[in-house]
């Protein structure tokens, strides 16, 4: 798919898969999925796939740095 000077494939390449998001955040895959299900971390649901935008994760991480454990809502 193409339009507006970019391709759908190019956009999808900039999104992180769950295992890549875990590496970026330094958390386990199971914790990431729990946080995703709780809606406490920014993500995109594309069909059954879950993807993460690196810039959104870095901003979220900065805003949520408290020195304590992550609280699941």
N, C-alpha and C. Protein backbone atom coordinates (compact mmCIF):
# COMPACT_ATOMS: atom_id res chain seq x y z
N UNK A 1 0.84 -1.17 0.00
CA UNK A 1 0.00 0.00 0.00
C UNK A 1 0.89 1.23 0.00
N UNK A 2 0.56 2.20 -0.82
CA UNK A 2 1.39 3.37 -0.92
C UNK A 2 0.53 4.61 -1.01
N UNK A 3 0.99 5.69 -0.44
CA UNK A 3 0.30 6.97 -0.47
C UNK A 3 1.02 7.96 0.41
N UNK A 4 0.92 9.19 0.09
CA UNK A 4 1.52 10.26 0.87
C UNK A 4 3.03 10.11 1.06
N UNK A 5 3.71 9.47 0.14
CA UNK A 5 5.16 9.37 0.19
C UNK A 5 5.72 8.32 1.13
N UNK A 6 4.92 7.41 1.61
CA UNK A 6 5.41 6.34 2.46
C UNK A 6 4.71 5.04 2.11
N UNK A 7 5.28 3.95 2.58
CA UNK A 7 4.65 2.65 2.34
C UNK A 7 4.20 2.05 3.66
N UNK A 8 3.17 1.25 3.61
CA UNK A 8 2.67 0.57 4.80
C UNK A 8 3.76 -0.29 5.41
N UNK A 9 4.52 -0.98 4.57
CA UNK A 9 5.59 -1.84 5.06
C UNK A 9 6.65 -1.02 5.79
N UNK A 10 6.95 0.17 5.28
CA UNK A 10 7.94 1.03 5.93
C UNK A 10 7.49 1.48 7.31
N UNK A 11 6.21 1.76 7.45
CA UNK A 11 5.67 2.16 8.74
C UNK A 11 5.73 0.98 9.71
N UNK A 12 5.33 -0.18 9.27
CA UNK A 12 5.33 -1.36 10.14
C UNK A 12 6.73 -1.71 10.63
N UNK A 13 7.74 -1.44 9.83
CA UNK A 13 9.11 -1.73 10.22
C UNK A 13 9.55 -0.87 11.39
N UNK A 14 8.95 0.31 11.55
CA UNK A 14 9.34 1.20 12.65
C UNK A 14 8.69 0.81 13.97
N UNK A 15 7.72 -0.08 13.95
CA UNK A 15 7.06 -0.56 15.17
C UNK A 15 7.85 -1.73 15.74
N UNK A 16 7.82 -1.86 17.06
CA UNK A 16 8.51 -2.96 17.71
C UNK A 16 7.55 -4.10 17.99
N UNK A 17 8.06 -5.31 17.88
CA UNK A 17 7.32 -6.49 18.32
C UNK A 17 7.51 -6.59 19.83
N UNK A 18 6.73 -7.45 20.47
CA UNK A 18 6.75 -7.56 21.93
C UNK A 18 8.14 -7.89 22.46
N UNK A 19 8.83 -8.83 21.84
CA UNK A 19 10.16 -9.20 22.34
C UNK A 19 11.15 -8.04 22.23
N UNK A 20 11.01 -7.22 21.20
CA UNK A 20 11.88 -6.06 21.03
C UNK A 20 11.55 -4.98 22.07
N UNK A 21 10.26 -4.80 22.36
CA UNK A 21 9.84 -3.84 23.38
C UNK A 21 10.37 -4.26 24.75
N UNK A 22 10.36 -5.56 25.03
CA UNK A 22 10.89 -6.07 26.29
C UNK A 22 12.37 -5.72 26.45
N UNK A 23 13.11 -5.89 25.39
CA UNK A 23 14.54 -5.57 25.43
C UNK A 23 14.75 -4.09 25.67
N UNK A 24 13.95 -3.25 25.02
CA UNK A 24 14.08 -1.81 25.17
C UNK A 24 13.77 -1.38 26.61
N UNK A 25 12.74 -1.98 27.20
CA UNK A 25 12.31 -1.60 28.54
C UNK A 25 13.00 -2.37 29.66
N UNK A 26 13.62 -3.50 29.32
CA UNK A 26 14.29 -4.31 30.33
C UNK A 26 13.31 -5.05 31.23
N UNK A 27 12.21 -5.53 30.65
CA UNK A 27 11.20 -6.27 31.41
C UNK A 27 10.94 -7.60 30.72
N UNK A 28 10.25 -8.49 31.42
CA UNK A 28 9.94 -9.80 30.85
C UNK A 28 8.76 -9.71 29.88
N UNK A 29 8.66 -10.69 29.02
CA UNK A 29 7.57 -10.75 28.06
C UNK A 29 6.23 -10.90 28.77
N UNK A 30 6.19 -11.71 29.83
CA UNK A 30 4.93 -11.90 30.54
C UNK A 30 4.47 -10.61 31.20
N UNK A 31 5.38 -9.82 31.75
CA UNK A 31 5.01 -8.54 32.35
C UNK A 31 4.51 -7.58 31.28
N UNK A 32 5.17 -7.56 30.14
CA UNK A 32 4.73 -6.69 29.05
C UNK A 32 3.30 -7.03 28.62
N UNK A 33 3.01 -8.32 28.49
CA UNK A 33 1.66 -8.72 28.09
C UNK A 33 0.62 -8.38 29.16
N UNK A 34 0.99 -8.50 30.44
CA UNK A 34 0.07 -8.11 31.51
C UNK A 34 -0.21 -6.62 31.46
N UNK A 35 0.82 -5.83 31.25
CA UNK A 35 0.67 -4.38 31.17
C UNK A 35 -0.14 -3.98 29.95
N UNK A 36 0.06 -4.69 28.84
CA UNK A 36 -0.70 -4.43 27.63
C UNK A 36 -2.18 -4.72 27.85
N UNK A 37 -2.47 -5.86 28.46
CA UNK A 37 -3.86 -6.26 28.72
C UNK A 37 -4.53 -5.28 29.68
N UNK A 38 -3.77 -4.73 30.64
CA UNK A 38 -4.32 -3.79 31.61
C UNK A 38 -4.46 -2.39 31.04
N UNK A 39 -3.86 -2.16 29.86
CA UNK A 39 -3.92 -0.84 29.25
C UNK A 39 -3.00 0.16 29.90
N UNK A 40 -1.98 -0.32 30.60
CA UNK A 40 -1.08 0.59 31.31
C UNK A 40 0.19 0.94 30.55
N UNK A 41 0.30 0.47 29.31
CA UNK A 41 1.46 0.79 28.49
C UNK A 41 0.97 1.09 27.07
N UNK A 42 1.56 2.08 26.40
CA UNK A 42 1.08 2.43 25.06
C UNK A 42 1.41 1.34 24.03
N UNK A 43 0.41 0.94 23.27
CA UNK A 43 0.62 -0.07 22.22
C UNK A 43 -0.44 0.08 21.15
N UNK A 44 -0.21 -0.60 20.05
CA UNK A 44 -1.15 -0.65 18.94
C UNK A 44 -1.60 -2.08 18.75
N UNK A 45 -2.89 -2.27 18.60
CA UNK A 45 -3.43 -3.59 18.27
C UNK A 45 -3.76 -3.58 16.79
N UNK A 46 -3.09 -4.42 16.04
CA UNK A 46 -3.30 -4.53 14.61
C UNK A 46 -3.75 -5.97 14.36
N UNK A 47 -5.05 -6.16 14.29
CA UNK A 47 -5.57 -7.52 14.24
C UNK A 47 -5.24 -8.19 15.55
N UNK A 48 -4.62 -9.34 15.48
CA UNK A 48 -4.20 -10.05 16.70
C UNK A 48 -2.80 -9.63 17.16
N UNK A 49 -2.11 -8.89 16.32
CA UNK A 49 -0.75 -8.47 16.64
C UNK A 49 -0.75 -7.23 17.54
N UNK A 50 0.23 -7.17 18.42
CA UNK A 50 0.45 -6.00 19.26
C UNK A 50 1.80 -5.42 18.87
N UNK A 51 1.82 -4.13 18.61
CA UNK A 51 3.06 -3.46 18.24
C UNK A 51 3.26 -2.25 19.12
N UNK A 52 4.52 -1.82 19.23
CA UNK A 52 4.89 -0.73 20.11
C UNK A 52 5.72 0.29 19.33
N UNK A 53 5.46 1.57 19.57
CA UNK A 53 6.23 2.64 18.94
C UNK A 53 7.35 3.01 19.91
N UNK A 54 8.61 2.90 19.48
CA UNK A 54 9.74 3.12 20.38
C UNK A 54 9.68 4.46 21.11
N UNK A 55 9.34 5.52 20.41
CA UNK A 55 9.29 6.85 21.02
C UNK A 55 8.22 6.91 22.12
N UNK A 56 7.09 6.27 21.89
CA UNK A 56 6.03 6.23 22.90
C UNK A 56 6.47 5.47 24.14
N UNK A 57 7.20 4.37 23.94
CA UNK A 57 7.69 3.59 25.08
C UNK A 57 8.71 4.37 25.89
N UNK A 58 9.61 5.08 25.21
CA UNK A 58 10.62 5.86 25.92
C UNK A 58 9.96 6.98 26.71
N UNK A 59 8.97 7.66 26.14
CA UNK A 59 8.24 8.71 26.84
C UNK A 59 7.49 8.12 28.03
N UNK A 60 6.82 7.00 27.83
CA UNK A 60 6.09 6.33 28.91
C UNK A 60 7.04 5.96 30.04
N UNK A 61 8.19 5.42 29.68
CA UNK A 61 9.17 4.99 30.67
C UNK A 61 9.67 6.20 31.48
N UNK A 62 9.94 7.29 30.82
CA UNK A 62 10.40 8.49 31.49
C UNK A 62 9.34 9.03 32.45
N UNK A 63 8.09 9.04 32.00
CA UNK A 63 7.00 9.56 32.82
C UNK A 63 6.70 8.66 34.02
N UNK A 64 7.03 7.38 33.93
CA UNK A 64 6.68 6.42 34.97
C UNK A 64 7.86 5.98 35.83
N UNK A 65 8.97 6.65 35.72
CA UNK A 65 10.13 6.28 36.53
C UNK A 65 9.91 6.78 37.96
N UNK A 66 9.81 5.84 38.88
CA UNK A 66 9.60 6.19 40.28
C UNK A 66 10.61 5.53 41.19
N UNK A 67 11.33 4.57 40.67
CA UNK A 67 12.28 3.84 41.49
C UNK A 67 11.66 2.63 42.16
N UNK A 68 10.34 2.48 42.04
CA UNK A 68 9.65 1.36 42.65
C UNK A 68 9.13 0.42 41.59
N UNK A 69 8.42 -0.60 42.01
CA UNK A 69 7.86 -1.57 41.05
C UNK A 69 6.76 -0.95 40.20
N UNK A 70 6.55 -1.50 39.04
CA UNK A 70 5.49 -1.05 38.15
C UNK A 70 4.17 -1.55 38.69
N UNK A 71 3.19 -0.66 38.79
CA UNK A 71 1.87 -1.04 39.31
C UNK A 71 0.94 -1.34 38.15
N UNK A 72 0.33 -2.51 38.19
CA UNK A 72 -0.66 -2.88 37.19
C UNK A 72 -2.02 -2.40 37.66
N UNK A 73 -2.72 -1.75 36.77
CA UNK A 73 -4.05 -1.22 37.11
C UNK A 73 -5.11 -2.23 36.74
